[in-house]
Protein backbone atom coordinates (compact mmCIF):
# COMPACT_ATOMS: atom_id res chain seq x y z
CA MET A 1 -15.63 -10.26 -62.74
CA GLN A 2 -14.76 -7.66 -65.37
CA PHE A 3 -11.22 -6.27 -65.07
CA ASN A 4 -10.96 -3.38 -62.66
CA LEU A 5 -7.57 -1.84 -61.88
CA GLU A 6 -8.40 -0.91 -58.30
CA LYS A 7 -9.76 -4.38 -57.49
CA SER A 8 -6.76 -6.00 -59.16
CA ILE A 9 -4.34 -3.94 -57.12
CA GLN A 10 -6.15 -5.13 -53.98
CA ILE A 11 -4.89 -8.64 -54.73
CA LEU A 12 -1.51 -7.70 -56.19
CA GLU A 13 -0.51 -5.59 -53.20
CA ARG A 14 -1.45 -8.37 -50.76
CA THR A 15 0.46 -11.22 -52.36
CA PRO A 16 3.86 -10.36 -50.83
CA VAL A 17 2.23 -9.93 -47.41
CA VAL A 18 0.38 -13.25 -47.70
CA LEU A 19 3.54 -15.07 -48.73
CA LYS A 20 5.61 -13.46 -45.99
CA GLN A 21 3.04 -14.39 -43.36
CA LEU A 22 2.75 -17.93 -44.68
CA LEU A 23 6.43 -18.72 -45.27
CA GLN A 24 8.65 -16.45 -43.19
CA GLY A 25 10.51 -18.29 -40.46
CA LEU A 26 9.35 -21.77 -41.45
CA SER A 27 11.78 -24.65 -41.51
CA GLU A 28 13.04 -25.88 -44.86
CA ASP A 29 10.91 -28.99 -44.30
CA TRP A 30 7.98 -26.78 -45.30
CA THR A 31 9.59 -24.56 -47.91
CA THR A 32 11.95 -26.71 -49.99
CA PRO A 33 10.03 -29.93 -50.82
CA ASN A 34 8.07 -30.11 -54.05
CA GLU A 35 5.50 -32.54 -55.44
CA GLY A 36 7.93 -34.65 -57.43
CA PRO A 37 9.89 -34.36 -60.68
CA ASP A 38 9.36 -31.15 -62.65
CA THR A 39 7.44 -29.46 -59.82
CA TRP A 40 8.28 -26.49 -57.66
CA SER A 41 8.76 -25.93 -53.95
CA PRO A 42 7.46 -22.81 -52.18
CA TYR A 43 11.04 -21.48 -52.37
CA ASP A 44 11.08 -22.01 -56.16
CA ILE A 45 7.69 -20.34 -56.55
CA VAL A 46 8.80 -17.18 -54.75
CA GLY A 47 11.83 -17.07 -57.06
CA HIS A 48 9.52 -17.46 -60.04
CA LEU A 49 7.36 -14.58 -58.83
CA ILE A 50 10.48 -12.40 -58.51
CA HIS A 51 11.49 -13.18 -62.07
CA GLY A 52 8.01 -12.19 -63.23
CA GLU A 53 8.29 -8.87 -61.42
CA LYS A 54 11.52 -8.17 -63.28
CA THR A 55 10.66 -9.38 -66.76
CA ASP A 56 6.96 -9.97 -67.27
CA TRP A 57 4.05 -7.85 -66.03
CA ILE A 58 5.30 -4.26 -66.08
CA PRO A 59 7.72 -4.67 -69.01
CA ARG A 60 4.92 -6.20 -71.09
CA THR A 61 2.47 -3.52 -69.97
CA LYS A 62 4.91 -0.88 -71.18
CA ILE A 63 5.38 -2.67 -74.50
CA ILE A 64 1.62 -2.69 -75.08
CA LEU A 65 1.29 0.97 -74.18
CA GLU A 66 4.22 2.09 -76.31
CA TYR A 67 4.23 -0.30 -79.28
CA GLY A 68 0.95 -2.23 -79.32
CA ILE A 69 1.22 -5.27 -81.57
CA GLU A 70 4.21 -3.86 -83.47
CA LYS A 71 6.66 -5.28 -80.91
CA SER A 72 6.33 -8.79 -79.54
CA PHE A 73 6.93 -9.51 -75.85
CA GLU A 74 10.22 -11.12 -74.95
CA PRO A 75 9.73 -14.86 -74.32
CA TYR A 76 9.37 -15.59 -70.61
CA ASP A 77 11.77 -18.03 -68.96
CA ARG A 78 9.53 -19.97 -66.56
CA PHE A 79 12.59 -21.63 -65.02
CA ALA A 80 14.91 -18.65 -64.52
CA GLN A 81 14.41 -18.80 -60.75
CA PHE A 82 16.60 -21.89 -60.47
CA LYS A 83 19.61 -19.83 -61.56
CA GLU A 84 18.59 -16.43 -60.16
CA SER A 85 17.73 -17.68 -56.65
CA LYS A 86 20.98 -19.58 -56.15
CA GLY A 87 22.73 -18.56 -52.95
CA LYS A 88 19.72 -16.72 -51.54
CA ASN A 89 17.65 -17.83 -48.60
CA LEU A 90 13.87 -17.67 -48.51
CA GLN A 91 13.85 -14.55 -46.34
CA GLN A 92 15.93 -12.73 -48.93
CA LEU A 93 13.57 -13.84 -51.69
CA LEU A 94 10.49 -12.73 -49.76
CA GLU A 95 12.01 -9.30 -49.15
CA GLU A 96 13.11 -8.96 -52.78
CA PHE A 97 9.65 -9.91 -54.00
CA GLU A 98 8.02 -7.39 -51.64
CA THR A 99 10.35 -4.59 -52.81
CA LEU A 100 9.89 -5.35 -56.51
CA ARG A 101 6.12 -5.68 -56.24
CA LYS A 102 5.80 -2.38 -54.38
CA ALA A 103 7.86 -0.62 -57.06
CA ASN A 104 5.89 -2.29 -59.87
CA LEU A 105 2.56 -1.27 -58.38
CA GLU A 106 3.78 2.33 -58.18
CA VAL A 107 4.68 2.14 -61.87
CA LEU A 108 1.31 0.55 -62.68
CA LYS A 109 -0.56 3.32 -60.85
CA SER A 110 1.41 5.95 -62.78
CA LEU A 111 0.48 4.58 -66.21
CA ASP A 112 -2.60 5.37 -68.26
CA ILE A 113 -4.17 1.96 -67.82
CA GLU A 114 -7.92 2.64 -67.79
CA SER A 115 -8.11 4.21 -71.24
CA ASN A 116 -5.88 1.52 -72.77
CA LEU A 117 -7.43 -1.69 -71.44
CA ASN A 118 -8.39 -2.86 -74.95
CA LYS A 119 -5.04 -1.98 -76.50
CA LYS A 120 -3.37 -5.07 -77.88
CA GLY A 121 0.08 -6.49 -77.52
CA LYS A 122 1.75 -9.50 -79.11
CA HIS A 123 2.62 -12.53 -77.02
CA PRO A 124 5.33 -14.72 -78.64
CA GLU A 125 3.23 -17.90 -78.24
CA LEU A 126 -0.36 -16.79 -77.68
CA GLY A 127 -0.59 -14.05 -80.30
CA GLU A 128 -2.61 -10.91 -79.71
CA VAL A 129 -3.65 -10.14 -76.14
CA THR A 130 -5.14 -7.03 -74.60
CA LEU A 131 -3.74 -5.06 -71.70
CA SER A 132 -6.79 -6.15 -69.74
CA HIS A 133 -5.91 -9.81 -70.45
CA LEU A 134 -2.34 -9.26 -69.30
CA LEU A 135 -3.26 -7.50 -66.06
CA SER A 136 -6.04 -9.98 -65.25
CA SER A 137 -3.56 -12.78 -65.79
CA TRP A 138 -1.17 -11.15 -63.32
CA VAL A 139 -3.85 -11.33 -60.62
CA VAL A 140 -4.81 -14.92 -61.42
CA HIS A 141 -1.12 -15.88 -61.63
CA ASP A 142 -0.61 -14.63 -58.07
CA LEU A 143 -3.67 -16.45 -56.76
CA GLY A 144 -2.66 -19.64 -58.56
CA HIS A 145 0.79 -19.63 -56.99
CA ILE A 146 -0.61 -18.93 -53.52
CA ALA A 147 -2.85 -21.98 -53.99
CA GLN A 148 0.09 -23.99 -55.34
CA ILE A 149 2.26 -23.14 -52.32
CA SER A 150 -0.56 -24.18 -49.99
CA ARG A 151 -1.04 -27.44 -51.88
CA VAL A 152 2.67 -28.29 -51.89
CA MET A 153 2.88 -27.62 -48.17
CA ALA A 154 -0.27 -29.61 -47.40
CA LYS A 155 1.10 -32.61 -49.27
CA GLN A 156 4.01 -32.75 -46.83
CA CYS A 157 1.44 -34.14 -44.35
CA LYS A 158 -0.37 -36.46 -46.75
CA GLU A 159 0.80 -39.68 -45.12
CA GLU A 160 0.14 -38.34 -41.64
CA VAL A 161 -3.55 -37.53 -42.03
CA GLY A 162 -4.53 -41.15 -42.36
CA VAL A 163 -8.15 -41.79 -43.26
CA TRP A 164 -8.96 -38.07 -43.31
CA GLU A 165 -7.23 -37.82 -46.69
CA GLN A 166 -10.58 -38.56 -48.36
CA TYR A 167 -11.98 -35.31 -46.92
CA LEU A 168 -8.97 -33.14 -47.69
CA GLY A 169 -9.30 -32.16 -51.34
CA ILE A 170 -6.04 -30.24 -51.32
CA LEU A 171 -4.22 -33.57 -51.07
CA LYS A 172 -5.66 -34.93 -54.34
């Protein structure tokens, strides 16, 4: 699918709702386990999404629109959530994510995106990227983390499904 702002917003605006419906009110048995060393729990993933709302998608969009490749993006701290989420419960994180996403989508809608989709920015590791690449990645990033949360939660039942494990690809 070629990038389309309206279609992208359809996903981006739903992510907080999907996560709230999936995670809100669940016991920590569902939301705090991960898949092992150097992996994230659903709680960690929501914190990661919050950090992205603050420092990644809209700030980088603005850099592309204002500076193009003349100014490199700030490096992204993929682990900032471990510090930033300390002392917060999952409900607080879900509400913070919803608030930040709503505000960011309002900003996105106010910007001249359509006529600048091919404008380039400079990623500190990947080099030149277009605004279209950045915004498409935002959508795929959301979908990837929704899938990751589902997978992490499903694996909490891996031992309990018995012989059905062979039919449950999410457990692989």
